[in-house]
Amino acid sequence: MFNLLQTQVTNNEGIMVQNGKIYLVMTIVSIILIGLFIYVASIDKKVSQLEK
């Protein structure tokens, strides 16, 4: 049973890497995270200006 599960995981990872979709997913996730960090930094800057 464990061999069957390991085979399925290996095949799924191979399909993602083989088609190049994993790089697209990682690029999109990176862009979203960078956007969130920039948004939080700008909100922090605005709040610190209001505190003064």
N, C-alpha and C. Protein backbone atom coordinates (compact mmCIF):
# COMPACT_ATOMS: atom_id res chain seq x y z
N MET A 1 0.83 -1.19 0.00
CA MET A 1 0.00 0.00 0.00
C MET A 1 0.88 1.25 0.00
N PHE A 2 1.94 1.25 0.81
CA PHE A 2 2.80 2.43 0.84
C PHE A 2 3.53 2.62 -0.48
N ASN A 3 3.88 1.53 -1.13
CA ASN A 3 4.53 1.64 -2.43
C ASN A 3 3.60 2.25 -3.46
N LEU A 4 2.34 1.92 -3.40
CA LEU A 4 1.36 2.48 -4.32
C LEU A 4 1.23 3.98 -4.12
N LEU A 5 1.18 4.43 -2.86
CA LEU A 5 1.06 5.85 -2.58
C LEU A 5 2.32 6.60 -3.01
N GLN A 6 3.48 6.02 -2.76
CA GLN A 6 4.72 6.67 -3.17
C GLN A 6 4.82 6.77 -4.67
N THR A 7 4.35 5.77 -5.38
CA THR A 7 4.38 5.79 -6.84
C THR A 7 3.47 6.89 -7.37
N GLN A 8 2.31 7.07 -6.77
CA GLN A 8 1.39 8.11 -7.23
C GLN A 8 1.98 9.49 -7.00
N VAL A 9 2.59 9.72 -5.85
CA VAL A 9 3.18 11.03 -5.56
C VAL A 9 4.31 11.31 -6.54
N THR A 10 5.15 10.33 -6.79
CA THR A 10 6.27 10.50 -7.72
C THR A 10 5.76 10.81 -9.12
N ASN A 11 4.72 10.11 -9.56
CA ASN A 11 4.18 10.37 -10.89
C ASN A 11 3.57 11.75 -10.99
N ASN A 12 2.88 12.20 -9.95
CA ASN A 12 2.28 13.53 -9.97
C ASN A 12 3.36 14.61 -10.01
N GLU A 13 4.42 14.45 -9.24
CA GLU A 13 5.50 15.44 -9.26
C GLU A 13 6.18 15.46 -10.63
N GLY A 14 6.33 14.28 -11.22
CA GLY A 14 6.96 14.21 -12.53
C GLY A 14 6.14 14.92 -13.59
N ILE A 15 4.83 14.80 -13.50
CA ILE A 15 3.96 15.46 -14.47
C ILE A 15 4.06 16.98 -14.34
N MET A 16 4.07 17.49 -13.12
CA MET A 16 4.17 18.93 -12.91
C MET A 16 5.49 19.47 -13.43
N VAL A 17 6.57 18.78 -13.13
CA VAL A 17 7.88 19.25 -13.57
C VAL A 17 8.05 19.04 -15.07
N GLN A 18 7.54 17.94 -15.57
CA GLN A 18 7.69 17.63 -16.99
C GLN A 18 6.98 18.65 -17.86
N ASN A 19 5.82 19.07 -17.48
CA ASN A 19 5.06 20.04 -18.27
C ASN A 19 5.52 21.47 -18.03
N GLY A 20 6.33 21.71 -17.01
CA GLY A 20 6.80 23.04 -16.72
C GLY A 20 5.80 23.88 -15.95
N LYS A 21 4.71 23.27 -15.51
CA LYS A 21 3.68 24.03 -14.80
C LYS A 21 4.13 24.43 -13.41
N ILE A 22 5.05 23.67 -12.82
CA ILE A 22 5.50 24.00 -11.47
C ILE A 22 6.20 25.36 -11.46
N TYR A 23 6.91 25.68 -12.54
CA TYR A 23 7.59 26.97 -12.63
C TYR A 23 6.59 28.10 -12.78
N LEU A 24 5.52 27.87 -13.50
CA LEU A 24 4.47 28.88 -13.64
C LEU A 24 3.79 29.13 -12.31
N VAL A 25 3.48 28.07 -11.58
CA VAL A 25 2.84 28.20 -10.27
C VAL A 25 3.75 28.95 -9.31
N MET A 26 5.03 28.59 -9.29
CA MET A 26 5.96 29.26 -8.38
C MET A 26 6.14 30.73 -8.74
N THR A 27 6.12 31.05 -10.02
CA THR A 27 6.22 32.45 -10.45
C THR A 27 5.01 33.25 -9.99
N ILE A 28 3.83 32.70 -10.16
CA ILE A 28 2.61 33.40 -9.75
C ILE A 28 2.57 33.59 -8.24
N VAL A 29 2.94 32.55 -7.49
CA VAL A 29 2.96 32.66 -6.03
C VAL A 29 3.98 33.71 -5.59
N SER A 30 5.13 33.75 -6.23
CA SER A 30 6.15 34.74 -5.89
C SER A 30 5.67 36.16 -6.16
N ILE A 31 5.01 36.35 -7.29
CA ILE A 31 4.49 37.68 -7.62
C ILE A 31 3.44 38.12 -6.60
N ILE A 32 2.56 37.21 -6.21
CA ILE A 32 1.53 37.55 -5.22
C ILE A 32 2.16 37.90 -3.88
N LEU A 33 3.16 37.12 -3.45
CA LEU A 33 3.81 37.41 -2.17
C LEU A 33 4.56 38.74 -2.20
N ILE A 34 5.24 39.03 -3.28
CA ILE A 34 5.94 40.32 -3.39
C ILE A 34 4.94 41.46 -3.35
N GLY A 35 3.82 41.30 -4.04
CA GLY A 35 2.78 42.34 -4.01
C GLY A 35 2.22 42.55 -2.61
N LEU A 36 2.02 41.46 -1.87
CA LEU A 36 1.52 41.60 -0.50
C LEU A 36 2.52 42.31 0.40
N PHE A 37 3.81 41.97 0.25
CA PHE A 37 4.83 42.64 1.06
C PHE A 37 4.90 44.13 0.75
N ILE A 38 4.79 44.49 -0.52
CA ILE A 38 4.81 45.91 -0.90
C ILE A 38 3.58 46.62 -0.33
N TYR A 39 2.42 45.97 -0.39
CA TYR A 39 1.19 46.56 0.14
C TYR A 39 1.29 46.77 1.65
N VAL A 40 1.79 45.78 2.37
CA VAL A 40 1.93 45.90 3.82
C VAL A 40 2.93 46.99 4.18
N ALA A 41 4.02 47.09 3.41
CA ALA A 41 5.01 48.14 3.67
C ALA A 41 4.41 49.52 3.45
N SER A 42 3.60 49.68 2.41
CA SER A 42 3.00 50.99 2.16
C SER A 42 1.97 51.34 3.24
N ILE A 43 1.20 50.37 3.70
CA ILE A 43 0.24 50.61 4.78
C ILE A 43 0.97 50.98 6.06
N ASP A 44 2.09 50.30 6.34
CA ASP A 44 2.88 50.60 7.53
C ASP A 44 3.43 52.02 7.47
N LYS A 45 3.87 52.44 6.29
CA LYS A 45 4.40 53.79 6.12
C LYS A 45 3.31 54.83 6.36
N LYS A 46 2.10 54.57 5.83
CA LYS A 46 1.00 55.51 6.02
C LYS A 46 0.59 55.60 7.49
N VAL A 47 0.55 54.47 8.17
CA VAL A 47 0.16 54.45 9.59
C VAL A 47 1.19 55.17 10.43
N SER A 48 2.47 54.97 10.11
CA SER A 48 3.52 55.65 10.89
C SER A 48 3.46 57.16 10.68
N GLN A 49 3.08 57.60 9.48
CA GLN A 49 2.92 59.04 9.23
C GLN A 49 1.73 59.58 10.00
N LEU A 50 0.65 58.81 10.12
CA LEU A 50 -0.52 59.26 10.88
C LEU A 50 -0.22 59.33 12.37
N GLU A 51 0.66 58.43 12.86
CA GLU A 51 1.00 58.45 14.28
C GLU A 51 1.77 59.70 14.66
N LYS A 52 2.55 60.23 13.71
CA LYS A 52 3.30 61.46 13.99
C LYS A 52 2.35 62.63 13.98
